[in-house]
Amino acid sequence: RMKTAVTLDGRTAFPDGRSQWITGEAARADVQFWRGRAGAVLTG
């Protein structure tokens, strides 16, 4: 499963890479649930 937070125009970060925070606290808390059910969390 690929998770991402995006704006309405499909942006995940500013051109310089800054992204904290696009979504609100409730969405960020919800992500923790999805992490919690996974066997592994993967990033680059």
Full PDB file with SEQRES, HELIX, SHEET, SSBOND, CRYST1, ORIGX, SCALE, CONECT and MASTER records, all heavy atoms in Angstrom:
SEQRES   1 A   44  ARG MET LYS THR ALA VAL THR LEU ASP GLY ARG THR ALA          
SEQRES   2 A   44  PHE PRO ASP GLY ARG SER GLN TRP ILE THR GLY GLU ALA          
SEQRES   3 A   44  ALA ARG ALA ASP VAL GLN PHE TRP ARG GLY ARG ALA GLY          
SEQRES   4 A   44  ALA VAL LEU THR GLY                                          
HELIX    1 AA1 GLU A   25  ARG A   37  1                                  13    
CRYST1    1.000    1.000    1.000  90.00  90.00  90.00 P 1           1          
ORIGX1      1.000000  0.000000  0.000000        0.00000                         
ORIGX2      0.000000  1.000000  0.000000        0.00000                         
ORIGX3      0.000000  0.000000  1.000000        0.00000                         
SCALE1      1.000000  0.000000  0.000000        0.00000                         
SCALE2      0.000000  1.000000  0.000000        0.00000                         
SCALE3      0.000000  0.000000  1.000000        0.00000                         
ATOM      1  N   ARG A   1       0.849  -1.193   0.000  1.00  0.00           N  
ATOM      2  CA  ARG A   1       0.000   0.000   0.000  1.00  0.00           C  
ATOM      3  C   ARG A   1       0.889   1.249   0.000  1.00  0.00           C  
ATOM      4  O   ARG A   1       1.796   1.375   0.811  1.00  0.00           O  
ATOM      5  CB  ARG A   1      -0.893   0.011   1.239  1.00  0.00           C  
ATOM      6  CG  ARG A   1      -1.721   1.283   1.407  1.00  0.00           C  
ATOM      7  CD  ARG A   1      -2.638   1.214   2.612  1.00  0.00           C  
ATOM      8  NE  ARG A   1      -1.929   0.952   3.852  1.00  0.00           N  
ATOM      9  CZ  ARG A   1      -1.953  -0.212   4.495  1.00  0.00           C  
ATOM     10  NH1 ARG A   1      -2.656  -1.223   4.016  1.00  0.00           N  
ATOM     11  NH2 ARG A   1      -1.277  -0.372   5.609  1.00  0.00           N  
ATOM     12  N   MET A   2       0.616   2.170  -0.913  1.00  0.00           N  
ATOM     13  CA  MET A   2       1.325   3.444  -0.947  1.00  0.00           C  
ATOM     14  C   MET A   2       0.457   4.516  -0.317  1.00  0.00           C  
ATOM     15  O   MET A   2      -0.677   4.739  -0.743  1.00  0.00           O  
ATOM     16  CB  MET A   2       1.652   3.837  -2.385  1.00  0.00           C  
ATOM     17  CG  MET A   2       2.515   5.090  -2.486  1.00  0.00           C  
ATOM     18  SD  MET A   2       2.605   5.753  -4.174  1.00  0.00           S  
ATOM     19  CE  MET A   2       1.204   6.867  -4.177  1.00  0.00           C  
ATOM     20  N   LYS A   3       0.990   5.175   0.698  1.00  0.00           N  
ATOM     21  CA  LYS A   3       0.260   6.264   1.358  1.00  0.00           C  
ATOM     22  C   LYS A   3       0.907   7.596   0.998  1.00  0.00           C  
ATOM     23  O   LYS A   3       2.137   7.713   0.937  1.00  0.00           O  
ATOM     24  CB  LYS A   3       0.277   6.052   2.873  1.00  0.00           C  
ATOM     25  CG  LYS A   3      -0.234   7.262   3.682  1.00  0.00           C  
ATOM     26  CD  LYS A   3       0.907   8.160   4.129  1.00  0.00           C  
ATOM     27  CE  LYS A   3       0.411   9.480   4.701  1.00  0.00           C  
ATOM     28  NZ  LYS A   3       1.534  10.402   5.024  1.00  0.00           N  
ATOM     29  N   THR A   4       0.062   8.600   0.763  1.00  0.00           N  
ATOM     30  CA  THR A   4       0.591   9.942   0.549  1.00  0.00           C  
ATOM     31  C   THR A   4      -0.450  10.972   0.941  1.00  0.00           C  
ATOM     32  O   THR A   4      -1.656  10.696   0.936  1.00  0.00           O  
ATOM     33  CB  THR A   4       1.021  10.148  -0.921  1.00  0.00           C  
ATOM     34  OG1 THR A   4       1.762  11.364  -1.040  1.00  0.00           O  
ATOM     35  CG2 THR A   4      -0.183  10.204  -1.849  1.00  0.00           C  
ATOM     36  N   ALA A   5       0.021  12.161   1.299  1.00  0.00           N  
ATOM     37  CA  ALA A   5      -0.846  13.304   1.581  1.00  0.00           C  
ATOM     38  C   ALA A   5      -0.674  14.300   0.450  1.00  0.00           C  
ATOM     39  O   ALA A   5       0.461  14.647   0.090  1.00  0.00           O  
ATOM     40  CB  ALA A   5      -0.483  13.937   2.920  1.00  0.00           C  
ATOM     41  N   VAL A   6      -1.789  14.753  -0.135  1.00  0.00           N  
ATOM     42  CA  VAL A   6      -1.718  15.626  -1.304  1.00  0.00           C  
ATOM     43  C   VAL A   6      -2.694  16.792  -1.173  1.00  0.00           C  
ATOM     44  O   VAL A   6      -3.704  16.714  -0.468  1.00  0.00           O  
ATOM     45  CB  VAL A   6      -2.022  14.852  -2.610  1.00  0.00           C  
ATOM     46  CG1 VAL A   6      -0.977  13.799  -2.879  1.00  0.00           C  
ATOM     47  CG2 VAL A   6      -3.404  14.227  -2.575  1.00  0.00           C  
ATOM     48  N   THR A   7      -2.385  17.861  -1.895  1.00  0.00           N  
ATOM     49  CA  THR A   7      -3.287  18.993  -2.006  1.00  0.00           C  
ATOM     50  C   THR A   7      -4.302  18.704  -3.118  1.00  0.00           C  
ATOM     51  O   THR A   7      -4.176  17.726  -3.853  1.00  0.00           O  
ATOM     52  CB  THR A   7      -2.507  20.268  -2.348  1.00  0.00           C  
ATOM     53  OG1 THR A   7      -1.864  20.082  -3.616  1.00  0.00           O  
ATOM     54  CG2 THR A   7      -1.450  20.559  -1.292  1.00  0.00           C  
ATOM     55  N   LEU A   8      -5.274  19.587  -3.269  1.00  0.00           N  
ATOM     56  CA  LEU A   8      -6.269  19.391  -4.314  1.00  0.00           C  
ATOM     57  C   LEU A   8      -5.658  19.442  -5.709  1.00  0.00           C  
ATOM     58  O   LEU A   8      -6.196  18.856  -6.648  1.00  0.00           O  
ATOM     59  CB  LEU A   8      -7.379  20.443  -4.190  1.00  0.00           C  
ATOM     60  CG  LEU A   8      -8.293  20.315  -2.965  1.00  0.00           C  
ATOM     61  CD1 LEU A   8      -9.298  21.447  -2.946  1.00  0.00           C  
ATOM     62  CD2 LEU A   8      -9.004  18.973  -2.951  1.00  0.00           C  
ATOM     63  N   ASP A   9      -4.528  20.144  -5.848  1.00  0.00           N  
ATOM     64  CA  ASP A   9      -3.860  20.167  -7.148  1.00  0.00           C  
ATOM     65  C   ASP A   9      -2.731  19.142  -7.240  1.00  0.00           C  
ATOM     66  O   ASP A   9      -1.835  19.249  -8.074  1.00  0.00           O  
ATOM     67  CB  ASP A   9      -3.354  21.574  -7.501  1.00  0.00           C  
ATOM     68  CG  ASP A   9      -2.456  22.186  -6.437  1.00  0.00           C  
ATOM     69  OD1 ASP A   9      -2.392  21.631  -5.325  1.00  0.00           O  
ATOM     70  OD2 ASP A   9      -1.821  23.229  -6.722  1.00  0.00           O  
ATOM     71  N   GLY A  10      -2.796  18.127  -6.378  1.00  0.00           N  
ATOM     72  CA  GLY A  10      -1.909  16.977  -6.505  1.00  0.00           C  
ATOM     73  C   GLY A  10      -0.491  17.175  -6.045  1.00  0.00           C  
ATOM     74  O   GLY A  10       0.408  16.433  -6.456  1.00  0.00           O  
ATOM     75  N   ARG A  11      -0.233  18.120  -5.141  1.00  0.00           N  
ATOM     76  CA  ARG A  11       1.128  18.366  -4.659  1.00  0.00           C  
ATOM     77  C   ARG A  11       1.358  17.687  -3.315  1.00  0.00           C  
ATOM     78  O   ARG A  11       0.508  17.759  -2.420  1.00  0.00           O  
ATOM     79  CB  ARG A  11       1.394  19.871  -4.523  1.00  0.00           C  
ATOM     80  CG  ARG A  11       1.021  20.696  -5.742  1.00  0.00           C  
ATOM     81  CD  ARG A  11       1.790  20.299  -6.967  1.00  0.00           C  
ATOM     82  NE  ARG A  11       1.428  21.122  -8.106  1.00  0.00           N  
ATOM     83  CZ  ARG A  11       1.964  20.986  -9.323  1.00  0.00           C  
ATOM     84  NH1 ARG A  11       2.871  20.050  -9.530  1.00  0.00           N  
ATOM     85  NH2 ARG A  11       1.571  21.769 -10.319  1.00  0.00           N  
ATOM     86  N   THR A  12       2.502  17.060  -3.180  1.00  0.00           N  
ATOM     87  CA  THR A  12       2.864  16.404  -1.919  1.00  0.00           C  
ATOM     88  C   THR A  12       3.894  17.199  -1.130  1.00  0.00           C  
ATOM     89  O   THR A  12       4.179  16.875   0.021  1.00  0.00           O  
ATOM     90  CB  THR A  12       3.433  15.005  -2.187  1.00  0.00           C  
ATOM     91  OG1 THR A  12       4.621  15.119  -2.993  1.00  0.00           O  
ATOM     92  CG2 THR A  12       2.423  14.132  -2.901  1.00  0.00           C  
ATOM     93  N   ALA A  13       4.467  18.235  -1.753  1.00  0.00           N  
ATOM     94  CA  ALA A  13       5.470  19.070  -1.089  1.00  0.00           C  
ATOM     95  C   ALA A  13       5.701  20.321  -1.912  1.00  0.00           C  
ATOM     96  O   ALA A  13       5.361  20.382  -3.103  1.00  0.00           O  
ATOM     97  CB  ALA A  13       6.783  18.307  -0.922  1.00  0.00           C  
ATOM     98  N   PHE A  14       6.291  21.332  -1.275  1.00  0.00           N  
ATOM     99  CA  PHE A  14       6.730  22.528  -2.000  1.00  0.00           C  
ATOM    100  C   PHE A  14       7.853  22.137  -2.970  1.00  0.00           C  
ATOM    101  O   PHE A  14       8.464  21.075  -2.834  1.00  0.00           O  
ATOM    102  CB  PHE A  14       7.260  23.561  -1.004  1.00  0.00           C  
ATOM    103  CG  PHE A  14       6.194  24.408  -0.369  1.00  0.00           C  
ATOM    104  CD1 PHE A  14       4.841  24.175  -0.579  1.00  0.00           C  
ATOM    105  CD2 PHE A  14       6.541  25.471   0.457  1.00  0.00           C  
ATOM    106  CE1 PHE A  14       3.873  24.956   0.007  1.00  0.00           C  
ATOM    107  CE2 PHE A  14       5.585  26.258   1.060  1.00  0.00           C  
ATOM    108  CZ  PHE A  14       4.246  26.002   0.830  1.00  0.00           C  
ATOM    109  N   PRO A  15       8.167  23.006  -3.919  1.00  0.00           N  
ATOM    110  CA  PRO A  15       9.289  22.709  -4.814  1.00  0.00           C  
ATOM    111  C   PRO A  15      10.601  22.441  -4.085  1.00  0.00           C  
ATOM    112  O   PRO A  15      11.447  21.683  -4.579  1.00  0.00           O  
ATOM    113  CB  PRO A  15       9.378  23.968  -5.687  1.00  0.00           C  
ATOM    114  CG  PRO A  15       7.979  24.502  -5.713  1.00  0.00           C  
ATOM    115  CD  PRO A  15       7.449  24.231  -4.338  1.00  0.00           C  
ATOM    116  N   ASP A  16      10.779  23.047  -2.882  1.00  0.00           N  
ATOM    117  CA  ASP A  16      12.022  22.830  -2.128  1.00  0.00           C  
ATOM    118  C   ASP A  16      11.947  21.597  -1.218  1.00  0.00           C  
ATOM    119  O   ASP A  16      12.881  21.328  -0.459  1.00  0.00           O  
ATOM    120  CB  ASP A  16      12.384  24.063  -1.304  1.00  0.00           C  
ATOM    121  CG  ASP A  16      11.325  24.409  -0.251  1.00  0.00           C  
ATOM    122  OD1 ASP A  16      10.365  23.612  -0.064  1.00  0.00           O  
ATOM    123  OD2 ASP A  16      11.443  25.477   0.385  1.00  0.00           O  
ATOM    124  N   GLY A  17      10.837  20.850  -1.258  1.00  0.00           N  
ATOM    125  CA  GLY A  17      10.721  19.611  -0.500  1.00  0.00           C  
ATOM    126  C   GLY A  17       9.961  19.710   0.801  1.00  0.00           C  
ATOM    127  O   GLY A  17       9.648  18.695   1.417  1.00  0.00           O  
ATOM    128  N   ARG A  18       9.641  20.913   1.262  1.00  0.00           N  
ATOM    129  CA  ARG A  18       8.915  21.050   2.524  1.00  0.00           C  
ATOM    130  C   ARG A  18       7.485  20.507   2.386  1.00  0.00           C  
ATOM    131  O   ARG A  18       6.800  20.806   1.417  1.00  0.00           O  
ATOM    132  CB  ARG A  18       8.873  22.512   2.957  1.00  0.00           C  
ATOM    133  CG  ARG A  18      10.196  23.039   3.514  1.00  0.00           C  
ATOM    134  CD  ARG A  18      10.064  24.498   3.881  1.00  0.00           C  
ATOM    135  NE  ARG A  18       9.882  25.333   2.690  1.00  0.00           N  
ATOM    136  CZ  ARG A  18       9.312  26.534   2.705  1.00  0.00           C  
ATOM    137  NH1 ARG A  18       8.814  27.026   3.839  1.00  0.00           N  
ATOM    138  NH2 ARG A  18       9.206  27.242   1.587  1.00  0.00           N  
ATOM    139  N   SER A  19       7.063  19.718   3.402  1.00  0.00           N  
ATOM    140  CA  SER A  19       5.730  19.103   3.318  1.00  0.00           C  
ATOM    141  C   SER A  19       4.990  19.072   4.647  1.00  0.00           C  
ATOM    142  O   SER A  19       3.855  18.589   4.702  1.00  0.00           O  
ATOM    143  CB  SER A  19       5.853  17.670   2.788  1.00  0.00           C  
ATOM    144  OG  SER A  19       6.626  16.875   3.671  1.00  0.00           O  
ATOM    145  N   GLN A  20       5.574  19.515   5.727  1.00  0.00           N  
ATOM    146  CA  GLN A  20       4.941  19.417   7.047  1.00  0.00           C  
ATOM    147  C   GLN A  20       4.235  20.730   7.410  1.00  0.00           C  
ATOM    148  O   GLN A  20       4.892  21.756   7.551  1.00  0.00           O  
ATOM    149  CB  GLN A  20       5.990  19.074   8.102  1.00  0.00           C  
ATOM    150  CG  GLN A  20       6.645  17.718   7.879  1.00  0.00           C  
ATOM    151  CD  GLN A  20       7.683  17.398   8.935  1.00  0.00           C  
ATOM    152  OE1 GLN A  20       8.148  18.260   9.678  1.00  0.00           O  
ATOM    153  NE2 GLN A  20       8.064  16.138   9.007  1.00  0.00           N  
ATOM    154  N   TRP A  21       2.871  20.732   7.553  1.00  0.00           N  
ATOM    155  CA  TRP A  21       2.033  19.555   7.350  1.00  0.00           C  
ATOM    156  C   TRP A  21       0.978  19.893   6.318  1.00  0.00           C  
ATOM    157  O   TRP A  21       0.370  20.978   6.369  1.00  0.00           O  
ATOM    158  CB  TRP A  21       1.379  19.116   8.654  1.00  0.00           C  
ATOM    159  CG  TRP A  21       2.337  18.673   9.689  1.00  0.00           C  
ATOM    160  CD1 TRP A  21       2.731  19.371  10.787  1.00  0.00           C  
ATOM    161  CD2 TRP A  21       3.006  17.402   9.740  1.00  0.00           C  
ATOM    162  NE1 TRP A  21       3.602  18.617  11.531  1.00  0.00           N  
ATOM    163  CE2 TRP A  21       3.789  17.400  10.912  1.00  0.00           C  
ATOM    164  CE3 TRP A  21       3.024  16.286   8.929  1.00  0.00           C  
ATOM    165  CZ2 TRP A  21       4.572  16.319  11.273  1.00  0.00           C  
ATOM    166  CZ3 TRP A  21       3.802  15.210   9.288  1.00  0.00           C  
ATOM    167  CH2 TRP A  21       4.564  15.226  10.455  1.00  0.00           C  
ATOM    168  N   ILE A  22       0.701  18.983   5.409  1.00  0.00           N  
ATOM    169  CA  ILE A  22      -0.345  19.189   4.409  1.00  0.00           C  
ATOM    170  C   ILE A  22      -1.711  18.893   5.011  1.00  0.00           C  
ATOM    171  O   ILE A  22      -2.662  19.655   4.838  1.00  0.00           O  
ATOM    172  CB  ILE A  22      -0.091  18.311   3.169  1.00  0.00           C  
ATOM    173  CG1 ILE A  22       1.160  18.799   2.428  1.00  0.00           C  
ATOM    174  CG2 ILE A  22      -1.294  18.318   2.241  1.00  0.00           C  
ATOM    175  CD1 ILE A  22       1.555  17.927   1.260  1.00  0.00           C  
ATOM    176  N   THR A  23      -1.833  17.798   5.723  1.00  0.00           N  
ATOM    177  CA  THR A  23      -3.113  17.397   6.319  1.00  0.00           C  
ATOM    178  C   THR A  23      -3.165  17.770   7.791  1.00  0.00           C  
ATOM    179  O   THR A  23      -2.156  18.118   8.412  1.00  0.00           O  
ATOM    180  CB  THR A  23      -3.321  15.884   6.165  1.00  0.00           C  
ATOM    181  OG1 THR A  23      -2.185  15.204   6.718  1.00  0.00           O  
ATOM    182  CG2 THR A  23      -3.467  15.506   4.705  1.00  0.00           C  
ATOM    183  N   GLY A  24      -4.360  17.650   8.356  1.00  0.00           N  
ATOM    184  CA  GLY A  24      -4.565  17.993   9.754  1.00  0.00           C  
ATOM    185  C   GLY A  24      -4.243  16.854  10.702  1.00  0.00           C  
ATOM    186  O   GLY A  24      -3.858  15.751  10.303  1.00  0.00           O  
ATOM    187  N   GLU A  25      -4.436  17.125  11.995  1.00  0.00           N  
ATOM    188  CA  GLU A  25      -4.085  16.157  13.033  1.00  0.00           C  
ATOM    189  C   GLU A  25      -4.882  14.864  12.918  1.00  0.00           C  
ATOM    190  O   GLU A  25      -4.352  13.778  13.149  1.00  0.00           O  
ATOM    191  CB  GLU A  25      -4.285  16.780  14.420  1.00  0.00           C  
ATOM    192  CG  GLU A  25      -3.281  17.874  14.763  1.00  0.00           C  
ATOM    193  CD  GLU A  25      -3.450  18.377  16.178  1.00  0.00           C  
ATOM    194  OE1 GLU A  25      -4.271  17.772  16.927  1.00  0.00           O  
ATOM    195  OE2 GLU A  25      -2.785  19.354  16.546  1.00  0.00           O  
ATOM    196  N   ALA A  26      -6.163  14.966  12.574  1.00  0.00           N  
ATOM    197  CA  ALA A  26      -6.996  13.755  12.492  1.00  0.00           C  
ATOM    198  C   ALA A  26      -6.482  12.812  11.415  1.00  0.00           C  
ATOM    199  O   ALA A  26      -6.414  11.593  11.614  1.00  0.00           O  
ATOM    200  CB  ALA A  26      -8.451  14.135  12.222  1.00  0.00           C  
ATOM    201  N   ALA A  27      -6.111  13.346  10.265  1.00  0.00           N  
ATOM    202  CA  ALA A  27      -5.587  12.509   9.188  1.00  0.00           C  
ATOM    203  C   ALA A  27      -4.251  11.893   9.581  1.00  0.00           C  
ATOM    204  O   ALA A  27      -3.996  10.718   9.292  1.00  0.00           O  
ATOM    205  CB  ALA A  27      -5.436  13.334   7.913  1.00  0.00           C  
ATOM    206  N   ARG A  28      -3.407  12.664  10.237  1.00  0.00           N  
ATOM    207  CA  ARG A  28      -2.094  12.128  10.647  1.00  0.00           C  
ATOM    208  C   ARG A  28      -2.273  11.029  11.694  1.00  0.00           C  
ATOM    209  O   ARG A  28      -1.515  10.054  11.712  1.00  0.00           O  
ATOM    210  CB  ARG A  28      -1.208  13.252  11.171  1.00  0.00           C  
ATOM    211  CG  ARG A  28      -0.907  14.309  10.112  1.00  0.00           C  
ATOM    212  CD  ARG A  28       0.318  15.130  10.450  1.00  0.00           C  
ATOM    213  NE  ARG A  28       0.177  15.897  11.666  1.00  0.00           N  
ATOM    214  CZ  ARG A  28      -0.385  17.102  11.760  1.00  0.00           C  
ATOM    215  NH1 ARG A  28      -0.889  17.676  10.672  1.00  0.00           N  
ATOM    216  NH2 ARG A  28      -0.443  17.744  12.906  1.00  0.00           N  
ATOM    217  N   ALA A  29      -3.262  11.167  12.555  1.00  0.00           N  
ATOM    218  CA  ALA A  29      -3.543  10.107  13.534  1.00  0.00           C  
ATOM    219  C   ALA A  29      -4.077   8.864  12.837  1.00  0.00           C  
ATOM    220  O   ALA A  29      -3.749   7.732  13.225  1.00  0.00           O  
ATOM    221  CB  ALA A  29      -4.536  10.610  14.578  1.00  0.00           C  
ATOM    222  N   ASP A  30      -4.896   9.057  11.807  1.00  0.00           N  
ATOM    223  CA  ASP A  30      -5.442   7.930  11.056  1.00  0.00           C  
ATOM    224  C   ASP A  30      -4.321   7.130  10.384  1.00  0.00           C  
ATOM    225  O   ASP A  30      -4.391   5.898  10.298  1.00  0.00           O  
ATOM    226  CB  ASP A  30      -6.431   8.443  10.015  1.00  0.00           C  
ATOM    227  CG  ASP A  30      -7.238   7.333   9.366  1.00  0.00           C  
ATOM    228  OD1 ASP A  30      -8.034   6.685  10.074  1.00  0.00           O  
ATOM    229  OD2 ASP A  30      -7.068   7.099   8.156  1.00  0.00           O  
ATOM    230  N   VAL A  31      -3.303   7.810   9.912  1.00  0.00           N  
ATOM    231  CA  VAL A  31      -2.158   7.132   9.290  1.00  0.00           C  
ATOM    232  C   VAL A  31      -1.514   6.155  10.263  1.00  0.00           C  
ATOM    233  O   VAL A  31      -1.063   5.070   9.871  1.00  0.00           O  
ATOM    234  CB  VAL A  31      -1.124   8.161   8.794  1.00  0.00           C  
ATOM    235  CG1 VAL A  31       0.165   7.466   8.354  1.00  0.00           C  
ATOM    236  CG2 VAL A  31      -1.693   8.972   7.643  1.00  0.00           C  
ATOM    237  N   GLN A  32      -1.478   6.501  11.535  1.00  0.00           N  
ATOM    238  CA  GLN A  32      -0.872   5.628  12.525  1.00  0.00           C  
ATOM    239  C   GLN A  32      -1.584   4.276  12.588  1.00  0.00           C  
ATOM    240  O   GLN A  32      -0.953   3.231  12.782  1.00  0.00           O  
ATOM    241  CB  GLN A  32      -0.882   6.300  13.908  1.00  0.00           C  
ATOM    242  CG  GLN A  32      -0.023   7.540  14.010  1.00  0.00           C  
ATOM    243  CD  GLN A  32       1.452   7.237  13.858  1.00  0.00           C  
ATOM    244  OE1 GLN A  32       1.975   6.289  14.443  1.00  0.00           O  
ATOM    245  NE2 GLN A  32       2.139   8.038  13.069  1.00  0.00           N  
ATOM    246  N   PHE A  33      -2.899   4.295  12.428  1.00  0.00           N  
ATOM    247  CA  PHE A  33      -3.651   3.040  12.408  1.00  0.00           C  
ATOM    248  C   PHE A  33      -3.212   2.170  11.233  1.00  0.00           C  
ATOM    249  O   PHE A  33      -3.003   0.958  11.378  1.00  0.00           O  
ATOM    250  CB  PHE A  33      -5.156   3.326  12.321  1.00  0.00           C  
ATOM    251  CG  PHE A  33      -5.981   2.129  11.972  1.00  0.00           C  
ATOM    252  CD1 PHE A  33      -6.332   1.209  12.949  1.00  0.00           C  
ATOM    253  CD2 PHE A  33      -6.379   1.891  10.661  1.00  0.00           C  
ATOM    254  CE1 PHE A  33      -7.079   0.082  12.624  1.00  0.00           C  
ATOM    255  CE2 PHE A  33      -7.122   0.766  10.333  1.00  0.00           C  
ATOM    256  CZ  PHE A  33      -7.474  -0.134  11.325  1.00  0.00           C  
ATOM    257  N   TRP A  34      -3.074   2.771  10.050  1.00  0.00           N  
ATOM    258  CA  TRP A  34      -2.678   2.005   8.867  1.00  0.00           C  
ATOM    259  C   TRP A  34      -1.244   1.488   9.001  1.00  0.00           C  
ATOM    260  O   TRP A  34      -0.941   0.379   8.564  1.00  0.00           O  
ATOM    261  CB  TRP A  34      -2.842   2.858   7.610  1.00  0.00           C  
ATOM    262  CG  TRP A  34      -4.276   3.127   7.294  1.00  0.00           C  
ATOM    263  CD1 TRP A  34      -5.046   4.157   7.756  1.00  0.00           C  
ATOM    264  CD2 TRP A  34      -5.141   2.333   6.476  1.00  0.00           C  
ATOM    265  NE1 TRP A  34      -6.330   4.061   7.268  1.00  0.00           N  
ATOM    266  CE2 TRP A  34      -6.416   2.947   6.477  1.00  0.00           C  
ATOM    267  CE3 TRP A  34      -4.957   1.177   5.728  1.00  0.00           C  
ATOM    268  CZ2 TRP A  34      -7.495   2.439   5.764  1.00  0.00           C  
ATOM    269  CZ3 TRP A  34      -6.031   0.672   5.010  1.00  0.00           C  
ATOM    270  CH2 TRP A  34      -7.285   1.292   5.034  1.00  0.00           C  
ATOM    271  N   ARG A  35      -0.377   2.286   9.581  1.00  0.00           N  
ATOM    272  CA  ARG A  35       0.971   1.787   9.876  1.00  0.00           C  
ATOM    273  C   ARG A  35       0.892   0.597  10.829  1.00  0.00           C  
ATOM    274  O   ARG A  35       1.592  -0.399  10.670  1.00  0.00           O  
ATOM    275  CB  ARG A  35       1.811   2.877  10.543  1.00  0.00           C  
ATOM    276  CG  ARG A  35       2.405   3.927   9.650  1.00  0.00           C  
ATOM    277  CD  ARG A  35       3.363   4.774  10.472  1.00  0.00           C  
ATOM    278  NE  ARG A  35       3.867   5.931   9.756  1.00  0.00           N  
ATOM    279  CZ  ARG A  35       4.745   6.782  10.259  1.00  0.00           C  
ATOM    280  NH1 ARG A  35       5.200   6.614  11.489  1.00  0.00           N  
ATOM    281  NH2 ARG A  35       5.161   7.816   9.551  1.00  0.00           N  
ATOM    282  N   GLY A  36       0.040   0.731  11.833  1.00  0.00           N  
ATOM    283  CA  GLY A  36      -0.022  -0.269  12.886  1.00  0.00           C  
ATOM    284  C   GLY A  36      -0.463  -1.635  12.427  1.00  0.00           C  
ATOM    285  O   GLY A  36      -0.126  -2.644  13.041  1.00  0.00           O  
ATOM    286  N   ARG A  37      -1.234  -1.712  11.341  1.00  0.00           N  
ATOM    287  CA  ARG A  37      -1.687  -3.017  10.865  1.00  0.00           C  
ATOM    288  C   ARG A  37      -0.692  -3.650   9.901  1.00  0.00           C  
ATOM    289  O   ARG A  37      -0.842  -4.811   9.527  1.00  0.00           O  
ATOM    290  CB  ARG A  37      -3.062  -2.915  10.215  1.00  0.00           C  
ATOM    291  CG  ARG A  37      -3.169  -1.919   9.091  1.00  0.00           C  
ATOM    292  CD  ARG A  37      -4.557  -1.889   8.478  1.00  0.00           C  
ATOM    293  NE  ARG A  37      -4.750  -2.981   7.550  1.00  0.00           N  
ATOM    294  CZ  ARG A  37      -5.883  -3.220   6.893  1.00  0.00           C  
ATOM    295  NH1 ARG A  37      -6.928  -2.435   7.084  1.00  0.00           N  
ATOM    296  NH2 ARG A  37      -5.984  -4.229   6.049  1.00  0.00           N  
ATOM    297  N   ALA A  38       0.321  -2.893   9.464  1.00  0.00           N  
ATOM    298  CA  ALA A  38       1.295  -3.399   8.501  1.00  0.00           C  
ATOM    299  C   ALA A  38       2.364  -4.244   9.178  1.00  0.00           C  
ATOM    300  O   ALA A  38       2.636  -4.108  10.373  1.00  0.00           O  
ATOM    301  CB  ALA A  38       1.952  -2.232   7.764  1.00  0.00           C  
ATOM    302  N   GLY A  39       2.981  -5.118   8.377  1.00  0.00           N  
ATOM    303  CA  GLY A  39       4.116  -5.885   8.870  1.00  0.00           C  
ATOM    304  C   GLY A  39       5.419  -5.139   8.712  1.00  0.00           C  
ATOM    305  O   GLY A  39       6.400  -5.407   9.399  1.00  0.00           O  
ATOM    306  N   ALA A  40       5.435  -4.173   7.768  1.00  0.00           N  
ATOM    307  CA  ALA A  40       6.626  -3.368   7.522  1.00  0.00           C  
ATOM    308  C   ALA A  40       6.216  -2.006   7.002  1.00  0.00           C  
ATOM    309  O   ALA A  40       5.250  -1.879   6.243  1.00  0.00           O  
ATOM    310  CB  ALA A  40       7.551  -4.055   6.522  1.00  0.00           C  
ATOM    311  N   VAL A  41       6.959  -0.973   7.417  1.00  0.00           N  
ATOM    312  CA  VAL A  41       6.807   0.384   6.893  1.00  0.00           C  
ATOM    313  C   VAL A  41       8.046   0.672   6.058  1.00  0.00           C  
ATOM    314  O   VAL A  41       9.173   0.467   6.525  1.00  0.00           O  
ATOM    315  CB  VAL A  41       6.655   1.412   8.027  1.00  0.00           C  
ATOM    316  CG1 VAL A  41       6.564   2.831   7.457  1.00  0.00           C  
ATOM    317  CG2 VAL A  41       5.429   1.104   8.868  1.00  0.00           C  
ATOM    318  N   LEU A  42       7.848   1.132   4.827  1.00  0.00           N  
ATOM    319  CA  LEU A  42       8.950   1.286   3.878  1.00  0.00           C  
ATOM    320  C   LEU A  42       9.067   2.728   3.408  1.00  0.00           C  
ATOM    321  O   LEU A  42       8.060   3.377   3.114  1.00  0.00           O  
ATOM    322  CB  LEU A  42       8.731   0.354   2.684  1.00  0.00           C  
ATOM    323  CG  LEU A  42       9.827   0.282   1.615  1.00  0.00           C  
ATOM    324  CD1 LEU A  42       9.885  -1.126   1.017  1.00  0.00           C  
ATOM    325  CD2 LEU A  42       9.579   1.297   0.497  1.00  0.00           C  
ATOM    326  N   THR A  43      10.296   3.227   3.332  1.00  0.00           N  
ATOM    327  CA  THR A  43      10.560   4.549   2.782  1.00  0.00           C  
ATOM    328  C   THR A  43      11.892   4.523   2.055  1.00  0.00           C  
ATOM    329  O   THR A  43      12.563   3.488   1.993  1.00  0.00           O  
ATOM    330  CB  THR A  43      10.540   5.628   3.883  1.00  0.00           C  
ATOM    331  OG1 THR A  43      10.446   6.916   3.282  1.00  0.00           O  
ATOM    332  CG2 THR A  43      11.780   5.556   4.757  1.00  0.00           C  
ATOM    333  N   GLY A  44      12.268   5.681   1.496  1.00  0.00           N  
ATOM    334  CA  GLY A  44      13.523   5.786   0.769  1.00  0.00           C  
ATOM    335  C   GLY A  44      14.511   6.681   1.485  1.00  0.00           C  
ATOM    336  O   GLY A  44      14.159   7.447   2.395  1.00  0.00           O  
TER     337      GLY A  44                                                      
MASTER        0    0    0    1    0    0    0    6  336    1    0    4          
END                                                                             
